[in-house]
Amino acid sequence: MKIRYIVPKTYDNCDIKTVLSKKFLMSSGMIKHLKTNGVVNVNGVHTRVVDPVHEGDELYLELGDTDFMLRRCPEIDILFENEWYAVVNKPSGIVTHPTHGHLDDSLITRLSDRTLHPVMRLDRETSGLIVIAKCGYAHNTLHQYGDFEKRYTAVCFGRFEPPEGLIDQPIARREGSVMIRDCRPDGRESQTVYKTLKYNEELDLSLVEYRLITGRCHQIRCHSTFMGHPLAGDGLYGPCSIDNPSDRYPNASSVDQKVGRLALHCSYLKFFDPMAGTYREFCLDIPEAFSSLFAE
C-alpha cells in the first residue's frame, strides 16, 4: 500500500493521526500497524503520527500488507486485481467467510493465507461478482465511498405481474429460526427493484433481474417468495423446501433438479474506486444452467 497525499487547508496544523482517521478512514488498529510496520513520511522525512502537518505538505504512507497477489484456483475466476482489492467470480457452493465446517475451503481461504476482507457477502449457493479487499483500509474506504450498484439474475417460478416494479416490504428474522426471514411489518426497511427478462410459458419460469436498494440477509429470496415467485433450487424458500413448502408449482422438483443449485447469480457490479478516482464496472454472463431453461 502506497499513498501520496498533498495536505489541503482543511487539515492544516492537524496531527497525522487525525488525517489518517478522518481522510483515510483508518481504524486505530490500522494506524498502529502503519506506525510500527510501515512508513510515514512528510516531505521525505520520517515523521511520527502525532506530529502536525501543514497545508501543501506531501504525506507519504507505505505498508506492505497489500503487496501480494491472490492465489490462482481453477474453480475461481479473478476478473480484476490490484494492490488494494480484487473482483472475483464466486462459484455456487462455496461460503464467502470461514465458518464452522468450512475453515479451510471458504472463498477467502482458497484465495490466500493472509487476512482478506470481503466488501460484500454472497450466500454459499449464490454465485457471481464479489469484491475482496486486501487490507482493512481498502475495505473501509470502499465500504464508505464505493457507491455500489449490484444486480442479480435469478430463475423464478411463475410470471410476475406487472413484469417489473419495486418490492417494498420490511424483512425480519422468523421467530424460532436462525436462518429464515419473512416479510413482516415489524421488520427492517427492505427494497428490491425487479425486471422480468424472459418467460418460459411451458415451464412457467421467469428469468428476472433484481437490483438491491437495501442489503438485507436473504433479501431477494425473501422478497421473491413473498411475491409468490420463489427462486428455483432454493432449499430454504422454494416450493420443495421444508420451511416454505408450496404445491402451487407442480414442476418444482424437476426444475430444481435441472438447475442443480440455487438459481441466483450476481451478474453486474458497478462501484466507485476511491483509490483510483474512477468507477469500475463488471458484467458476467448468466450460468448455462439458467440460460438453458429459456433457450429459444
Protein backbone atom coordinates (compact mmCIF):
# COMPACT_ATOMS: atom_id res chain seq x y z
CA MET A 1 0.00 0.00 0.00
CA LYS A 2 1.47 3.35 -1.04
CA ILE A 3 -0.28 6.69 -0.65
CA ARG A 4 0.93 10.17 -1.60
CA TYR A 5 -1.31 12.96 -0.35
CA ILE A 6 -0.91 16.73 -0.56
CA VAL A 7 -2.32 18.21 2.64
CA PRO A 8 -5.13 20.72 1.95
CA LYS A 9 -6.06 23.71 4.07
CA THR A 10 -8.71 21.60 5.80
CA TYR A 11 -6.02 19.65 7.67
CA ASP A 12 -3.55 22.49 8.22
CA ASN A 13 -1.84 22.02 11.60
CA CYS A 14 -3.67 18.74 12.29
CA ASP A 15 -1.68 15.78 13.56
CA ILE A 16 -1.13 12.94 11.10
CA LYS A 17 -3.25 10.57 13.17
CA THR A 18 -6.26 12.84 12.65
CA VAL A 19 -5.66 12.96 8.89
CA LEU A 20 -5.38 9.17 8.73
CA SER A 21 -8.58 8.75 10.71
CA LYS A 22 -10.75 11.39 9.02
CA LYS A 23 -9.45 11.45 5.46
CA PHE A 24 -8.43 7.82 5.01
CA LEU A 25 -10.92 6.26 7.48
CA MET A 26 -8.17 4.23 9.13
CA SER A 27 -9.03 2.49 12.37
CA SER A 28 -6.83 2.94 15.45
CA GLY A 29 -5.54 -0.60 14.90
CA MET A 30 -4.64 0.17 11.29
CA ILE A 31 -2.84 3.38 12.33
CA LYS A 32 -0.88 1.48 14.98
CA HIS A 33 0.06 -1.16 12.42
CA LEU A 34 1.17 1.54 9.98
CA LYS A 35 3.22 3.26 12.70
CA THR A 36 5.05 0.12 13.78
CA ASN A 37 5.36 -1.77 10.48
CA GLY A 38 5.12 0.82 7.74
CA VAL A 39 6.49 4.15 6.56
CA VAL A 40 5.12 7.58 7.46
CA ASN A 41 6.98 10.47 5.83
CA VAL A 42 6.25 14.17 5.43
CA ASN A 43 8.16 15.90 2.62
CA GLY A 44 10.53 12.94 2.52
CA VAL A 45 11.31 12.97 6.26
CA HIS A 46 10.27 10.19 8.66
CA THR A 47 7.54 11.56 10.92
CA ARG A 48 5.54 10.40 13.93
CA VAL A 49 1.75 10.10 13.60
CA VAL A 50 1.34 12.57 16.50
CA ASP A 51 3.25 15.28 14.62
CA PRO A 52 1.33 18.01 12.76
CA VAL A 53 1.21 18.60 9.03
CA HIS A 54 0.60 21.84 7.19
CA GLU A 55 -1.12 22.91 4.00
CA GLY A 56 0.99 21.91 0.99
CA ASP A 57 2.96 19.17 2.77
CA GLU A 58 3.31 15.82 0.99
CA LEU A 59 2.26 12.96 3.24
CA TYR A 60 3.66 9.61 2.12
CA LEU A 61 2.42 6.31 3.57
CA GLU A 62 3.66 2.82 2.83
CA LEU A 63 2.55 -0.51 4.25
CA GLY A 64 3.46 -3.78 2.58
CA ASP A 65 0.40 -5.78 3.66
CA THR A 66 -1.24 -5.47 0.24
CA ASP A 67 1.88 -6.18 -1.80
CA PHE A 68 0.81 -9.70 -2.77
CA MET A 69 -1.22 -11.49 -5.40
CA LEU A 70 -4.14 -13.76 -4.69
CA ARG A 71 -3.72 -17.49 -5.15
CA ARG A 72 -4.95 -18.76 -8.52
CA CYS A 73 -7.58 -21.50 -8.24
CA PRO A 74 -9.04 -23.30 -11.27
CA GLU A 75 -12.59 -23.01 -9.92
CA ILE A 76 -12.40 -19.26 -9.14
CA ASP A 77 -12.10 -16.57 -11.82
CA ILE A 78 -10.27 -13.41 -10.73
CA LEU A 79 -11.56 -10.72 -13.10
CA PHE A 80 -9.53 -7.80 -11.73
CA GLU A 81 -6.79 -7.36 -9.15
CA ASN A 82 -4.61 -4.52 -7.93
CA GLU A 83 -2.73 -3.80 -4.71
CA TRP A 84 -5.95 -2.85 -2.89
CA TYR A 85 -8.60 -5.38 -3.88
CA ALA A 86 -9.79 -7.98 -6.37
CA VAL A 87 -13.08 -8.62 -8.15
CA VAL A 88 -13.86 -12.32 -8.21
CA ASN A 89 -16.48 -14.60 -9.74
CA LYS A 90 -17.51 -16.77 -6.80
CA PRO A 91 -18.81 -20.23 -7.70
CA SER A 92 -22.00 -21.58 -6.18
CA GLY A 93 -21.47 -23.93 -3.24
CA ILE A 94 -18.57 -22.03 -1.63
CA VAL A 95 -19.01 -19.96 1.54
CA THR A 96 -17.52 -16.48 1.46
CA HIS A 97 -16.09 -16.42 5.01
CA PRO A 98 -14.63 -19.30 7.01
CA THR A 99 -17.32 -20.88 9.19
CA HIS A 100 -17.61 -23.97 11.34
CA GLY A 101 -17.21 -26.87 8.96
CA HIS A 102 -15.66 -24.62 6.28
CA LEU A 103 -12.50 -23.33 7.94
CA ASP A 104 -10.19 -24.27 5.07
CA ASP A 105 -12.39 -24.23 1.97
CA SER A 106 -14.09 -20.81 2.07
CA LEU A 107 -13.63 -18.35 -0.78
CA ILE A 108 -11.11 -16.18 1.07
CA THR A 109 -9.04 -19.08 2.42
CA ARG A 110 -8.83 -20.56 -1.07
CA LEU A 111 -7.51 -17.23 -2.38
CA SER A 112 -4.85 -16.50 0.23
CA ASP A 113 -3.31 -17.49 3.55
CA ARG A 114 -3.37 -13.81 4.51
CA THR A 115 -6.31 -11.97 6.05
CA LEU A 116 -8.75 -10.83 3.37
CA HIS A 117 -11.78 -8.58 3.76
CA PRO A 118 -14.86 -9.24 1.59
CA VAL A 119 -16.54 -5.90 0.92
CA MET A 120 -19.86 -7.66 0.31
CA ARG A 121 -21.35 -11.03 1.11
CA LEU A 122 -22.78 -13.74 -1.10
CA ASP A 123 -24.66 -16.72 0.33
CA ARG A 124 -23.00 -20.10 -0.12
CA GLU A 125 -25.26 -21.17 -3.01
CA THR A 126 -25.21 -17.74 -4.72
CA SER A 127 -22.63 -17.26 -7.45
CA GLY A 128 -21.19 -14.22 -9.14
CA LEU A 129 -19.35 -10.97 -8.58
CA ILE A 130 -17.80 -10.11 -5.23
CA VAL A 131 -15.13 -7.61 -4.16
CA ILE A 132 -12.35 -8.83 -1.86
CA ALA A 133 -10.22 -6.16 -0.16
CA LYS A 134 -6.63 -6.95 0.76
CA CYS A 135 -6.47 -4.80 3.91
CA GLY A 136 -8.72 -3.10 6.42
CA TYR A 137 -8.03 0.31 4.93
CA ALA A 138 -9.16 -0.73 1.46
CA HIS A 139 -12.22 -2.44 2.93
CA ASN A 140 -13.28 0.60 4.95
CA THR A 141 -12.64 3.03 2.11
CA LEU A 142 -14.55 1.00 -0.48
CA HIS A 143 -17.39 0.47 2.00
CA GLN A 144 -17.65 4.21 2.73
CA TYR A 145 -17.16 5.61 -0.78
CA GLY A 146 -17.86 2.70 -3.13
CA ASP A 147 -21.45 3.65 -4.06
CA PHE A 148 -22.08 0.03 -5.06
CA GLU A 149 -24.72 -0.93 -7.59
CA LYS A 150 -25.42 -4.67 -7.65
CA ARG A 151 -27.71 -6.58 -9.96
CA TYR A 152 -28.61 -10.23 -9.67
CA THR A 153 -30.14 -12.62 -12.18
CA ALA A 154 -32.45 -15.39 -10.95
CA VAL A 155 -34.77 -18.10 -12.22
CA CYS A 156 -38.16 -17.78 -10.52
CA PHE A 157 -41.34 -19.83 -10.60
CA GLY A 158 -44.33 -18.17 -12.23
CA ARG A 159 -44.82 -14.88 -14.05
CA PHE A 160 -44.51 -11.51 -12.35
CA GLU A 161 -47.45 -9.17 -12.86
CA PRO A 162 -46.54 -6.44 -13.56
CA PRO A 163 -43.37 -7.68 -15.25
CA GLU A 164 -41.25 -5.06 -13.47
CA GLY A 165 -41.57 -2.94 -10.37
CA LEU A 166 -40.49 -2.30 -6.78
CA ILE A 167 -40.88 -4.73 -3.89
CA ASP A 168 -41.08 -2.61 -0.74
CA GLN A 169 -41.54 -4.97 2.20
CA PRO A 170 -39.79 -4.95 5.60
CA ILE A 171 -37.85 -8.11 6.45
CA ALA A 172 -37.37 -9.71 9.88
CA ARG A 173 -35.94 -12.97 11.16
CA ARG A 174 -38.59 -15.66 11.57
CA GLU A 175 -39.30 -16.42 15.21
CA GLY A 176 -37.52 -19.57 16.33
CA SER A 177 -35.30 -19.69 13.23
CA VAL A 178 -31.66 -18.77 12.83
CA MET A 179 -31.74 -18.57 9.02
CA ILE A 180 -35.26 -17.94 7.70
CA ARG A 181 -36.51 -14.40 7.07
CA ASP A 182 -40.08 -13.22 6.50
CA CYS A 183 -41.70 -10.07 5.18
CA ARG A 184 -43.26 -8.52 8.28
CA PRO A 185 -44.42 -5.00 9.22
CA ASP A 186 -42.06 -5.00 12.22
CA GLY A 187 -39.00 -5.83 10.10
CA ARG A 188 -36.24 -3.64 8.72
CA GLU A 189 -36.96 -1.50 5.66
CA SER A 190 -36.13 -3.51 2.54
CA GLN A 191 -36.49 -2.56 -1.13
CA THR A 192 -35.78 -4.55 -4.28
CA VAL A 193 -36.30 -3.48 -7.88
CA TYR A 194 -37.17 -6.34 -10.26
CA LYS A 195 -37.46 -6.68 -14.03
CA THR A 196 -38.54 -9.74 -16.00
CA LEU A 197 -36.06 -10.55 -18.77
CA LYS A 198 -37.62 -13.73 -20.19
CA TYR A 199 -40.55 -16.03 -19.54
CA ASN A 200 -40.90 -19.73 -20.37
CA GLU A 201 -44.62 -20.42 -20.61
CA GLU A 202 -44.23 -24.20 -20.85
CA LEU A 203 -42.24 -24.43 -17.61
CA ASP A 204 -43.91 -21.37 -16.03
CA LEU A 205 -40.50 -19.89 -15.23
CA SER A 206 -39.21 -16.32 -15.33
CA LEU A 207 -35.69 -15.04 -15.77
CA VAL A 208 -35.61 -11.97 -13.54
CA GLU A 209 -33.09 -9.22 -12.87
CA TYR A 210 -33.02 -7.80 -9.34
CA ARG A 211 -31.39 -4.58 -8.19
CA LEU A 212 -30.89 -4.13 -4.47
CA ILE A 213 -31.66 -0.79 -2.88
CA THR A 214 -31.14 -2.12 0.62
CA GLY A 215 -28.97 -5.08 1.55
CA ARG A 216 -30.74 -7.41 3.98
CA CYS A 217 -29.86 -11.04 4.53
CA HIS A 218 -31.75 -13.24 2.01
CA GLN A 219 -33.47 -10.12 0.67
CA ILE A 220 -34.04 -11.30 -2.91
CA ARG A 221 -35.08 -14.80 -1.85
CA CYS A 222 -37.45 -13.48 0.80
CA HIS A 223 -38.99 -10.74 -1.39
CA SER A 224 -39.43 -13.04 -4.36
CA THR A 225 -41.14 -15.69 -2.21
CA PHE A 226 -43.41 -13.02 -0.71
CA MET A 227 -44.49 -12.09 -4.25
CA GLY A 228 -45.40 -15.72 -4.90
CA HIS A 229 -42.40 -16.40 -7.13
CA PRO A 230 -39.75 -18.32 -5.17
CA LEU A 231 -36.39 -18.98 -6.75
CA ALA A 232 -35.68 -22.33 -8.38
CA GLY A 233 -33.38 -24.56 -6.39
CA ASP A 234 -33.97 -22.67 -3.15
CA GLY A 235 -33.76 -25.13 -0.27
CA LEU A 236 -34.94 -22.55 2.27
CA TYR A 237 -37.72 -20.65 0.50
CA GLY A 238 -38.60 -22.78 -2.54
CA PRO A 239 -41.74 -24.87 -3.09
CA CYS A 240 -39.84 -28.07 -2.22
CA SER A 241 -38.31 -26.68 0.96
CA ILE A 242 -39.21 -27.84 4.46
CA ASP A 243 -39.64 -24.30 5.81
CA ASN A 244 -41.73 -22.79 2.98
CA PRO A 245 -43.41 -25.69 1.13
CA SER A 246 -45.97 -24.99 -1.61
CA ASP A 247 -47.91 -27.05 -4.13
CA ARG A 248 -48.50 -24.05 -6.38
CA TYR A 249 -45.82 -25.17 -8.85
CA PRO A 250 -46.13 -28.94 -9.52
CA ASN A 251 -42.99 -28.98 -11.69
CA ALA A 252 -40.81 -27.50 -8.92
CA SER A 253 -38.97 -30.73 -8.13
CA SER A 254 -37.97 -31.42 -11.74
CA VAL A 255 -36.91 -27.79 -12.29
CA ASP A 256 -34.80 -27.85 -9.14
CA GLN A 257 -33.07 -30.98 -10.41
CA LYS A 258 -32.35 -29.35 -13.77
CA VAL A 259 -30.86 -26.24 -12.17
CA GLY A 260 -28.96 -28.22 -9.54
CA ARG A 261 -28.37 -25.21 -7.27
CA LEU A 262 -29.93 -22.01 -6.01
CA ALA A 263 -30.74 -20.06 -9.17
CA LEU A 264 -29.28 -16.73 -8.05
CA HIS A 265 -26.25 -15.07 -9.64
CA CYS A 266 -24.67 -11.63 -9.09
CA SER A 267 -24.24 -10.68 -12.73
CA TYR A 268 -23.49 -6.94 -12.62
CA LEU A 269 -21.41 -4.74 -10.36
CA LYS A 270 -20.54 -1.07 -10.56
CA PHE A 271 -18.75 0.92 -7.88
CA PHE A 272 -16.54 3.92 -7.32
CA ASP A 273 -12.87 3.15 -6.72
CA PRO A 274 -11.77 5.95 -4.35
CA MET A 275 -8.10 4.92 -4.57
CA ALA A 276 -8.08 5.38 -8.36
CA GLY A 277 -10.75 8.10 -8.52
CA THR A 278 -12.81 6.29 -11.14
CA TYR A 279 -15.81 3.97 -11.48
CA ARG A 280 -15.32 0.25 -12.11
CA GLU A 281 -17.90 -1.84 -13.93
CA PHE A 282 -18.10 -5.63 -14.28
CA CYS A 283 -20.61 -7.88 -16.00
CA LEU A 284 -20.94 -11.67 -16.17
CA ASP A 285 -22.95 -13.97 -18.39
CA ILE A 286 -25.63 -15.91 -16.56
CA PRO A 287 -24.82 -19.56 -15.81
CA GLU A 288 -25.66 -22.08 -18.52
CA ALA A 289 -27.94 -23.90 -16.06
CA PHE A 290 -30.13 -20.77 -16.08
CA SER A 291 -29.99 -19.85 -19.77
CA SER A 292 -30.76 -23.41 -20.92
CA LEU A 293 -34.24 -23.09 -19.41
CA PHE A 294 -35.01 -20.17 -21.73
CA ALA A 295 -33.35 -21.35 -24.94
CA GLU A 296 -35.35 -20.35 -28.00
